[in-house]
Amino acid sequence: MSTNVTENSAAATEINVIGRNVEEAIDALEKFLDLAFLEGLPRVRIVHGSGMGILRQALRKYLAKHPQVAGVTQPAQNEGGAGVTVVELRQ
């Protein structure tokens, strides 16, 4: 399992959770969102892959209830499509 280097950098704008189970992905995402929010980032990307959609659905359900999330969108196909979720953070 590989970890995207950007999730460990100071002002990361993307996290890759492909290959993680739902629990691992949510744990990593929670830490990532906290850091992004503290950095004042307006939006971040979550790369979860498309597959059967289980991880995407679980993450979007989690994000819908997250207090730092203002909105969630799916980018155009040429920017990741169903394999990516774009998160708008509250300012």
PDB file of N, CA and C in Angstrom:
ATOM      1  N   MET A   1       0.845  -1.168   0.000  1.00  0.00           N
ATOM      2  CA  MET A   1       0.000   0.000   0.000  1.00  0.00           C
ATOM      3  C   MET A   1       0.894   1.236   0.000  1.00  0.00           C
ATOM      4  N   SER A   2       0.666   2.143  -0.927  1.00  0.00           N
ATOM      5  CA  SER A   2       1.482   3.349  -0.987  1.00  0.00           C
ATOM      6  C   SER A   2       0.738   4.515  -0.372  1.00  0.00           C
ATOM      7  N   THR A   3       1.502   5.459   0.136  1.00  0.00           N
ATOM      8  CA  THR A   3       0.930   6.655   0.722  1.00  0.00           C
ATOM      9  C   THR A   3       1.345   7.835  -0.126  1.00  0.00           C
ATOM     10  N   ASN A   4       0.396   8.674  -0.461  1.00  0.00           N
ATOM     11  CA  ASN A   4       0.686   9.849  -1.267  1.00  0.00           C
ATOM     12  C   ASN A   4       1.483  10.828  -0.431  1.00  0.00           C
ATOM     13  N   VAL A   5       2.605  11.266  -0.937  1.00  0.00           N
ATOM     14  CA  VAL A   5       3.489  12.171  -0.210  1.00  0.00           C
ATOM     15  C   VAL A   5       2.779  13.456   0.166  1.00  0.00           C
ATOM     16  N   THR A   6       1.842  13.929  -0.663  1.00  0.00           N
ATOM     17  CA  THR A   6       1.193  15.209  -0.391  1.00  0.00           C
ATOM     18  C   THR A   6       0.387  15.199   0.899  1.00  0.00           C
ATOM     19  N   GLU A   7      -0.050  14.040   1.366  1.00  0.00           N
ATOM     20  CA  GLU A   7      -0.826  14.040   2.598  1.00  0.00           C
ATOM     21  C   GLU A   7       0.043  14.335   3.822  1.00  0.00           C
ATOM     22  N   ASN A   8       1.353  14.248   3.675  1.00  0.00           N
ATOM     23  CA  ASN A   8       2.250  14.506   4.794  1.00  0.00           C
ATOM     24  C   ASN A   8       2.903  15.888   4.732  1.00  0.00           C
ATOM     25  N   SER A   9       2.702  16.605   3.641  1.00  0.00           N
ATOM     26  CA  SER A   9       3.324  17.921   3.523  1.00  0.00           C
ATOM     27  C   SER A   9       2.502  18.964   4.269  1.00  0.00           C
ATOM     28  N   ALA A  10       3.125  20.121   4.540  1.00  0.00           N
ATOM     29  CA  ALA A  10       2.519  21.150   5.382  1.00  0.00           C
ATOM     30  C   ALA A  10       1.180  21.642   4.859  1.00  0.00           C
ATOM     31  N   ALA A  11       1.099  21.965   3.591  1.00  0.00           N
ATOM     32  CA  ALA A  11      -0.145  22.493   3.038  1.00  0.00           C
ATOM     33  C   ALA A  11      -0.666  21.560   1.950  1.00  0.00           C
ATOM     34  N   ALA A  12      -0.856  20.303   2.290  1.00  0.00           N
ATOM     35  CA  ALA A  12      -1.312  19.311   1.328  1.00  0.00           C
ATOM     36  C   ALA A  12      -2.692  19.674   0.795  1.00  0.00           C
ATOM     37  N   THR A  13      -2.893  19.443  -0.481  1.00  0.00           N
ATOM     38  CA  THR A  13      -4.194  19.706  -1.078  1.00  0.00           C
ATOM     39  C   THR A  13      -4.860  18.425  -1.563  1.00  0.00           C
ATOM     40  N   GLU A  14      -4.176  17.285  -1.418  1.00  0.00           N
ATOM     41  CA  GLU A  14      -4.713  16.021  -1.896  1.00  0.00           C
ATOM     42  C   GLU A  14      -4.257  14.873  -1.008  1.00  0.00           C
ATOM     43  N   ILE A  15      -5.170  13.921  -0.809  1.00  0.00           N
ATOM     44  CA  ILE A  15      -4.838  12.704  -0.093  1.00  0.00           C
ATOM     45  C   ILE A  15      -5.280  11.523  -0.955  1.00  0.00           C
ATOM     46  N   ASN A  16      -4.462  10.497  -0.991  1.00  0.00           N
ATOM     47  CA  ASN A  16      -4.763   9.293  -1.750  1.00  0.00           C
ATOM     48  C   ASN A  16      -5.041   8.167  -0.759  1.00  0.00           C
ATOM     49  N   VAL A  17      -6.278   7.649  -0.780  1.00  0.00           N
ATOM     50  CA  VAL A  17      -6.653   6.579   0.142  1.00  0.00           C
ATOM     51  C   VAL A  17      -6.965   5.271  -0.594  1.00  0.00           C
ATOM     52  N   ILE A  18      -6.537   5.193  -1.842  1.00  0.00           N
ATOM     53  CA  ILE A  18      -6.749   3.963  -2.618  1.00  0.00           C
ATOM     54  C   ILE A  18      -6.034   2.804  -1.911  1.00  0.00           C
ATOM     55  N   GLY A  19      -6.729   1.692  -1.776  1.00  0.00           N
ATOM     56  CA  GLY A  19      -6.154   0.507  -1.160  1.00  0.00           C
ATOM     57  C   GLY A  19      -6.410   0.396   0.332  1.00  0.00           C
ATOM     58  N   ARG A  20      -6.967   1.434   0.921  1.00  0.00           N
ATOM     59  CA  ARG A  20      -7.283   1.384   2.355  1.00  0.00           C
ATOM     60  C   ARG A  20      -8.723   0.926   2.537  1.00  0.00           C
ATOM     61  N   ASN A  21      -8.992   0.307   3.688  1.00  0.00           N
ATOM     62  CA  ASN A  21     -10.382  -0.031   3.972  1.00  0.00           C
ATOM     63  C   ASN A  21     -11.075   1.234   4.489  1.00  0.00           C
ATOM     64  N   VAL A  22     -12.373   1.185   4.674  1.00  0.00           N
ATOM     65  CA  VAL A  22     -13.147   2.365   5.056  1.00  0.00           C
ATOM     66  C   VAL A  22     -12.635   2.970   6.366  1.00  0.00           C
ATOM     67  N   GLU A  23     -12.392   2.155   7.358  1.00  0.00           N
ATOM     68  CA  GLU A  23     -11.939   2.656   8.658  1.00  0.00           C
ATOM     69  C   GLU A  23     -10.588   3.365   8.543  1.00  0.00           C
ATOM     70  N   GLU A  24      -9.656   2.753   7.840  1.00  0.00           N
ATOM     71  CA  GLU A  24      -8.333   3.364   7.652  1.00  0.00           C
ATOM     72  C   GLU A  24      -8.434   4.670   6.864  1.00  0.00           C
ATOM     73  N   ALA A  25      -9.270   4.665   5.834  1.00  0.00           N
ATOM     74  CA  ALA A  25      -9.428   5.858   4.995  1.00  0.00           C
ATOM     75  C   ALA A  25     -10.045   7.005   5.786  1.00  0.00           C
ATOM     76  N   ILE A  26     -11.051   6.736   6.588  1.00  0.00           N
ATOM     77  CA  ILE A  26     -11.686   7.785   7.385  1.00  0.00           C
ATOM     78  C   ILE A  26     -10.722   8.328   8.427  1.00  0.00           C
ATOM     79  N   ASP A  27      -9.940   7.463   9.044  1.00  0.00           N
ATOM     80  CA  ASP A  27      -8.956   7.907  10.028  1.00  0.00           C
ATOM     81  C   ASP A  27      -7.936   8.850   9.384  1.00  0.00           C
ATOM     82  N   ALA A  28      -7.410   8.457   8.226  1.00  0.00           N
ATOM     83  CA  ALA A  28      -6.438   9.298   7.515  1.00  0.00           C
ATOM     84  C   ALA A  28      -7.093  10.594   7.044  1.00  0.00           C
ATOM     85  N   LEU A  29      -8.320  10.496   6.573  1.00  0.00           N
ATOM     86  CA  LEU A  29      -9.037  11.675   6.083  1.00  0.00           C
ATOM     87  C   LEU A  29      -9.313  12.666   7.202  1.00  0.00           C
ATOM     88  N   GLU A  30      -9.665  12.172   8.367  1.00  0.00           N
ATOM     89  CA  GLU A  30      -9.936  13.050   9.504  1.00  0.00           C
ATOM     90  C   GLU A  30      -8.705  13.889   9.854  1.00  0.00           C
ATOM     91  N   LYS A  31      -7.554  13.254   9.925  1.00  0.00           N
ATOM     92  CA  LYS A  31      -6.313  13.971  10.222  1.00  0.00           C
ATOM     93  C   LYS A  31      -5.970  14.959   9.109  1.00  0.00           C
ATOM     94  N   PHE A  32      -6.148  14.519   7.863  1.00  0.00           N
ATOM     95  CA  PHE A  32      -5.872  15.358   6.704  1.00  0.00           C
ATOM     96  C   PHE A  32      -6.761  16.602   6.694  1.00  0.00           C
ATOM     97  N   LEU A  33      -8.062  16.436   6.952  1.00  0.00           N
ATOM     98  CA  LEU A  33      -8.983  17.570   6.962  1.00  0.00           C
ATOM     99  C   LEU A  33      -8.656  18.556   8.075  1.00  0.00           C
ATOM    100  N   ASP A  34      -8.286  18.039   9.239  1.00  0.00           N
ATOM    101  CA  ASP A  34      -7.911  18.927  10.341  1.00  0.00           C
ATOM    102  C   ASP A  34      -6.721  19.797   9.954  1.00  0.00           C
ATOM    103  N   LEU A  35      -5.713  19.203   9.356  1.00  0.00           N
ATOM    104  CA  LEU A  35      -4.531  19.953   8.934  1.00  0.00           C
ATOM    105  C   LEU A  35      -4.877  20.964   7.842  1.00  0.00           C
ATOM    106  N   ALA A  36      -5.669  20.544   6.860  1.00  0.00           N
ATOM    107  CA  ALA A  36      -6.062  21.434   5.763  1.00  0.00           C
ATOM    108  C   ALA A  36      -6.860  22.617   6.294  1.00  0.00           C
ATOM    109  N   PHE A  37      -7.751  22.360   7.232  1.00  0.00           N
ATOM    110  CA  PHE A  37      -8.566  23.423   7.823  1.00  0.00           C
ATOM    111  C   PHE A  37      -7.678  24.406   8.583  1.00  0.00           C
ATOM    112  N   LEU A  38      -6.738  23.883   9.373  1.00  0.00           N
ATOM    113  CA  LEU A  38      -5.827  24.742  10.133  1.00  0.00           C
ATOM    114  C   LEU A  38      -4.932  25.564   9.204  1.00  0.00           C
ATOM    115  N   GLU A  39      -4.598  25.019   8.037  1.00  0.00           N
ATOM    116  CA  GLU A  39      -3.780  25.729   7.053  1.00  0.00           C
ATOM    117  C   GLU A  39      -4.594  26.775   6.296  1.00  0.00           C
ATOM    118  N   GLY A  40      -5.920  26.742   6.459  1.00  0.00           N
ATOM    119  CA  GLY A  40      -6.781  27.707   5.775  1.00  0.00           C
ATOM    120  C   GLY A  40      -7.031  27.399   4.311  1.00  0.00           C
ATOM    121  N   LEU A  41      -6.875  26.144   3.922  1.00  0.00           N
ATOM    122  CA  LEU A  41      -7.102  25.776   2.526  1.00  0.00           C
ATOM    123  C   LEU A  41      -8.592  25.870   2.187  1.00  0.00           C
ATOM    124  N   PRO A  42      -8.928  26.383   1.024  1.00  0.00           N
ATOM    125  CA  PRO A  42     -10.334  26.498   0.646  1.00  0.00           C
ATOM    126  C   PRO A  42     -10.934  25.176   0.178  1.00  0.00           C
ATOM    127  N   ARG A  43     -10.089  24.297  -0.403  1.00  0.00           N
ATOM    128  CA  ARG A  43     -10.586  23.009  -0.893  1.00  0.00           C
ATOM    129  C   ARG A  43      -9.448  21.997  -0.954  1.00  0.00           C
ATOM    130  N   VAL A  44      -9.836  20.741  -0.887  1.00  0.00           N
ATOM    131  CA  VAL A  44      -8.883  19.637  -1.001  1.00  0.00           C
ATOM    132  C   VAL A  44      -9.498  18.547  -1.870  1.00  0.00           C
ATOM    133  N   ARG A  45      -8.629  17.642  -2.331  1.00  0.00           N
ATOM    134  CA  ARG A  45      -9.065  16.510  -3.153  1.00  0.00           C
ATOM    135  C   ARG A  45      -8.785  15.204  -2.428  1.00  0.00           C
ATOM    136  N   ILE A  46      -9.738  14.294  -2.539  1.00  0.00           N
ATOM    137  CA  ILE A  46      -9.570  12.953  -1.988  1.00  0.00           C
ATOM    138  C   ILE A  46      -9.577  11.989  -3.171  1.00  0.00           C
ATOM    139  N   VAL A  47      -8.479  11.267  -3.353  1.00  0.00           N
ATOM    140  CA  VAL A  47      -8.391  10.272  -4.417  1.00  0.00           C
ATOM    141  C   VAL A  47      -8.705   8.920  -3.779  1.00  0.00           C
ATOM    142  N   HIS A  48      -9.856   8.353  -4.156  1.00  0.00           N
ATOM    143  CA  HIS A  48     -10.297   7.092  -3.563  1.00  0.00           C
ATOM    144  C   HIS A  48     -10.482   6.006  -4.604  1.00  0.00           C
ATOM    145  N   GLY A  49     -10.351   6.349  -5.872  1.00  0.00           N
ATOM    146  CA  GLY A  49     -10.570   5.383  -6.942  1.00  0.00           C
ATOM    147  C   GLY A  49     -12.056   5.163  -7.167  1.00  0.00           C
ATOM    148  N   SER A  50     -12.391   4.517  -8.264  1.00  0.00           N
ATOM    149  CA  SER A  50     -13.808   4.315  -8.561  1.00  0.00           C
ATOM    150  C   SER A  50     -14.273   2.921  -8.151  1.00  0.00           C
ATOM    151  N   GLY A  51     -13.647   1.884  -8.616  1.00  0.00           N
ATOM    152  CA  GLY A  51     -13.985   0.514  -8.211  1.00  0.00           C
ATOM    153  C   GLY A  51     -15.477   0.264  -8.134  1.00  0.00           C
ATOM    154  N   MET A  52     -15.918  -0.335  -7.043  1.00  0.00           N
ATOM    155  CA  MET A  52     -17.335  -0.607  -6.820  1.00  0.00           C
ATOM    156  C   MET A  52     -18.038   0.562  -6.147  1.00  0.00           C
ATOM    157  N   GLY A  53     -17.283   1.568  -5.746  1.00  0.00           N
ATOM    158  CA  GLY A  53     -17.879   2.765  -5.156  1.00  0.00           C
ATOM    159  C   GLY A  53     -18.100   2.703  -3.652  1.00  0.00           C
ATOM    160  N   ILE A  54     -17.680   1.635  -3.011  1.00  0.00           N
ATOM    161  CA  ILE A  54     -17.907   1.474  -1.568  1.00  0.00           C
ATOM    162  C   ILE A  54     -17.153   2.527  -0.775  1.00  0.00           C
ATOM    163  N   LEU A  55     -15.884   2.725  -1.084  1.00  0.00           N
ATOM    164  CA  LEU A  55     -15.072   3.707  -0.369  1.00  0.00           C
ATOM    165  C   LEU A  55     -15.584   5.121  -0.648  1.00  0.00           C
ATOM    166  N   ARG A  56     -15.894   5.417  -1.899  1.00  0.00           N
ATOM    167  CA  ARG A  56     -16.422   6.732  -2.259  1.00  0.00           C
ATOM    168  C   ARG A  56     -17.690   7.035  -1.469  1.00  0.00           C
ATOM    169  N   GLN A  57     -18.612   6.103  -1.428  1.00  0.00           N
ATOM    170  CA  GLN A  57     -19.883   6.304  -0.727  1.00  0.00           C
ATOM    171  C   GLN A  57     -19.667   6.510   0.771  1.00  0.00           C
ATOM    172  N   ALA A  58     -18.806   5.707   1.369  1.00  0.00           N
ATOM    173  CA  ALA A  58     -18.546   5.817   2.806  1.00  0.00           C
ATOM    174  C   ALA A  58     -17.898   7.154   3.147  1.00  0.00           C
ATOM    175  N   LEU A  59     -16.939   7.579   2.319  1.00  0.00           N
ATOM    176  CA  LEU A  59     -16.261   8.848   2.576  1.00  0.00           C
ATOM    177  C   LEU A  59     -17.203  10.030   2.398  1.00  0.00           C
ATOM    178  N   ARG A  60     -18.030   9.980   1.376  1.00  0.00           N
ATOM    179  CA  ARG A  60     -18.972  11.085   1.154  1.00  0.00           C
ATOM    180  C   ARG A  60     -20.027  11.152   2.254  1.00  0.00           C
ATOM    181  N   LYS A  61     -20.426  10.008   2.783  1.00  0.00           N
ATOM    182  CA  LYS A  61     -21.367   9.992   3.909  1.00  0.00           C
ATOM    183  C   LYS A  61     -20.704  10.621   5.139  1.00  0.00           C
ATOM    184  N   TYR A  62     -19.453  10.282   5.379  1.00  0.00           N
ATOM    185  CA  TYR A  62     -18.683  10.863   6.487  1.00  0.00           C
ATOM    186  C   TYR A  62     -18.544  12.380   6.297  1.00  0.00           C
ATOM    187  N   LEU A  63     -18.206  12.808   5.087  1.00  0.00           N
ATOM    188  CA  LEU A  63     -17.997  14.229   4.806  1.00  0.00           C
ATOM    189  C   LEU A  63     -19.276  15.041   4.962  1.00  0.00           C
ATOM    190  N   ALA A  64     -20.421  14.447   4.657  1.00  0.00           N
ATOM    191  CA  ALA A  64     -21.699  15.155   4.758  1.00  0.00           C
ATOM    192  C   ALA A  64     -21.986  15.610   6.182  1.00  0.00           C
ATOM    193  N   LYS A  65     -21.413  14.932   7.167  1.00  0.00           N
ATOM    194  CA  LYS A  65     -21.657  15.256   8.583  1.00  0.00           C
ATOM    195  C   LYS A  65     -20.483  15.974   9.230  1.00  0.00           C
ATOM    196  N   HIS A  66     -19.410  16.197   8.476  1.00  0.00           N
ATOM    197  CA  HIS A  66     -18.195  16.784   9.047  1.00  0.00           C
ATOM    198  C   HIS A  66     -18.364  18.287   9.240  1.00  0.00           C
ATOM    199  N   PRO A  67     -18.061  18.806  10.437  1.00  0.00           N
ATOM    200  CA  PRO A  67     -18.297  20.235  10.721  1.00  0.00           C
ATOM    201  C   PRO A  67     -17.422  21.207   9.925  1.00  0.00           C
ATOM    202  N   GLN A  68     -16.296  20.763   9.402  1.00  0.00           N
ATOM    203  CA  GLN A  68     -15.409  21.657   8.652  1.00  0.00           C
ATOM    204  C   GLN A  68     -15.685  21.645   7.148  1.00  0.00           C
ATOM    205  N   VAL A  69     -16.622  20.809   6.714  1.00  0.00           N
ATOM    206  CA  VAL A  69     -16.907  20.657   5.286  1.00  0.00           C
ATOM    207  C   VAL A  69     -18.112  21.498   4.886  1.00  0.00           C
ATOM    208  N   ALA A  70     -17.898  22.362   3.897  1.00  0.00           N
ATOM    209  CA  ALA A  70     -18.976  23.210   3.383  1.00  0.00           C
ATOM    210  C   ALA A  70     -19.696  22.540   2.221  1.00  0.00           C
ATOM    211  N   GLY A  71     -18.984  21.710   1.463  1.00  0.00           N
ATOM    212  CA  GLY A  71     -19.606  21.051   0.326  1.00  0.00           C
ATOM    213  C   GLY A  71     -18.701  20.003  -0.287  1.00  0.00           C
ATOM    214  N   VAL A  72     -19.318  19.119  -1.066  1.00  0.00           N
ATOM    215  CA  VAL A  72     -18.599  18.019  -1.707  1.00  0.00           C
ATOM    216  C   VAL A  72     -19.050  17.943  -3.165  1.00  0.00           C
ATOM    217  N   THR A  73     -18.083  17.836  -4.075  1.00  0.00           N
ATOM    218  CA  THR A  73     -18.416  17.700  -5.493  1.00  0.00           C
ATOM    219  C   THR A  73     -17.543  16.629  -6.132  1.00  0.00           C
ATOM    220  N   GLN A  74     -17.982  16.194  -7.297  1.00  0.00           N
ATOM    221  CA  GLN A  74     -17.203  15.251  -8.094  1.00  0.00           C
ATOM    222  C   GLN A  74     -16.644  16.033  -9.276  1.00  0.00           C
ATOM    223  N   PRO A  75     -15.337  15.979  -9.497  1.00  0.00           N
ATOM    224  CA  PRO A  75     -14.756  16.736 -10.601  1.00  0.00           C
ATOM    225  C   PRO A  75     -15.117  16.133 -11.965  1.00  0.00           C
ATOM    226  N   ALA A  76     -14.798  16.882 -13.008  1.00  0.00           N
ATOM    227  CA  ALA A  76     -14.995  16.390 -14.371  1.00  0.00           C
ATOM    228  C   ALA A  76     -14.164  15.130 -14.587  1.00  0.00           C
ATOM    229  N   GLN A  77     -14.549  14.349 -15.574  1.00  0.00           N
ATOM    230  CA  GLN A  77     -13.871  13.084 -15.851  1.00  0.00           C
ATOM    231  C   GLN A  77     -12.371  13.277 -16.075  1.00  0.00           C
ATOM    232  N   ASN A  78     -11.977  14.360 -16.734  1.00  0.00           N
ATOM    233  CA  ASN A  78     -10.551  14.584 -17.005  1.00  0.00           C
ATOM    234  C   ASN A  78      -9.780  15.054 -15.774  1.00  0.00           C
ATOM    235  N   GLU A  79     -10.478  15.263 -14.656  1.00  0.00           N
ATOM    236  CA  GLU A  79      -9.834  15.652 -13.395  1.00  0.00           C
ATOM    237  C   GLU A  79     -10.013  14.583 -12.326  1.00  0.00           C
ATOM    238  N   GLY A  80     -10.424  13.387 -12.728  1.00  0.00           N
ATOM    239  CA  GLY A  80     -10.566  12.289 -11.792  1.00  0.00           C
ATOM    240  C   GLY A  80     -11.941  11.668 -11.757  1.00  0.00           C
ATOM    241  N   GLY A  81     -12.958  12.414 -12.149  1.00  0.00           N
ATOM    242  CA  GLY A  81     -14.321  11.887 -12.197  1.00  0.00           C
ATOM    243  C   GLY A  81     -14.754  11.189 -10.925  1.00  0.00           C
ATOM    244  N   ALA A  82     -15.344  10.014 -11.066  1.00  0.00           N
ATOM    245  CA  ALA A  82     -15.878   9.270  -9.929  1.00  0.00           C
ATOM    246  C   ALA A  82     -14.798   8.740  -8.987  1.00  0.00           C
ATOM    247  N   GLY A  83     -13.543   8.813  -9.395  1.00  0.00           N
ATOM    248  CA  GLY A  83     -12.458   8.327  -8.551  1.00  0.00           C
ATOM    249  C   GLY A  83     -11.902   9.373  -7.591  1.00  0.00           C
ATOM    250  N   VAL A  84     -12.484  10.582  -7.650  1.00  0.00           N
ATOM    251  CA  VAL A  84     -12.011  11.692  -6.815  1.00  0.00           C
ATOM    252  C   VAL A  84     -13.197  12.428  -6.217  1.00  0.00           C
ATOM    253  N   THR A  85     -13.019  12.938  -5.018  1.00  0.00           N
ATOM    254  CA  THR A  85     -14.009  13.809  -4.388  1.00  0.00           C
ATOM    255  C   THR A  85     -13.313  15.117  -4.034  1.00  0.00           C
ATOM    256  N   VAL A  86     -13.930  16.234  -4.414  1.00  0.00           N
ATOM    257  CA  VAL A  86     -13.417  17.546  -4.080  1.00  0.00           C
ATOM    258  C   VAL A  86     -14.223  18.068  -2.891  1.00  0.00           C
ATOM    259  N   VAL A  87     -13.502  18.520  -1.872  1.00  0.00           N
ATOM    260  CA  VAL A  87     -14.128  18.989  -0.646  1.00  0.00           C
ATOM    261  C   VAL A  87     -13.882  20.481  -0.471  1.00  0.00           C
ATOM    262  N   GLU A  88     -14.964  21.249  -0.349  1.00  0.00           N
ATOM    263  CA  GLU A  88     -14.882  22.673  -0.054  1.00  0.00           C
ATOM    264  C   GLU A  88     -14.917  22.804   1.469  1.00  0.00           C
ATOM    265  N   LEU A  89     -13.909  23.488   2.018  1.00  0.00           N
ATOM    266  CA  LEU A  89     -13.822  23.630   3.477  1.00  0.00           C
ATOM    267  C   LEU A  89     -14.423  24.957   3.936  1.00  0.00           C
ATOM    268  N   ARG A  90     -14.953  24.953   5.135  1.00  0.00           N
ATOM    269  CA  ARG A  90     -15.495  26.186   5.715  1.00  0.00           C
ATOM    270  C   ARG A  90     -14.320  27.117   6.042  1.00  0.00           C
ATOM    271  N   GLN A  91     -14.553  28.398   5.889  1.00  0.00           N
ATOM    272  CA  GLN A  91     -13.508  29.391   6.163  1.00  0.00           C
ATOM    273  C   GLN A  91     -13.756  30.104   7.470  1.00  0.00           C
TER     274      GLN A  91
END
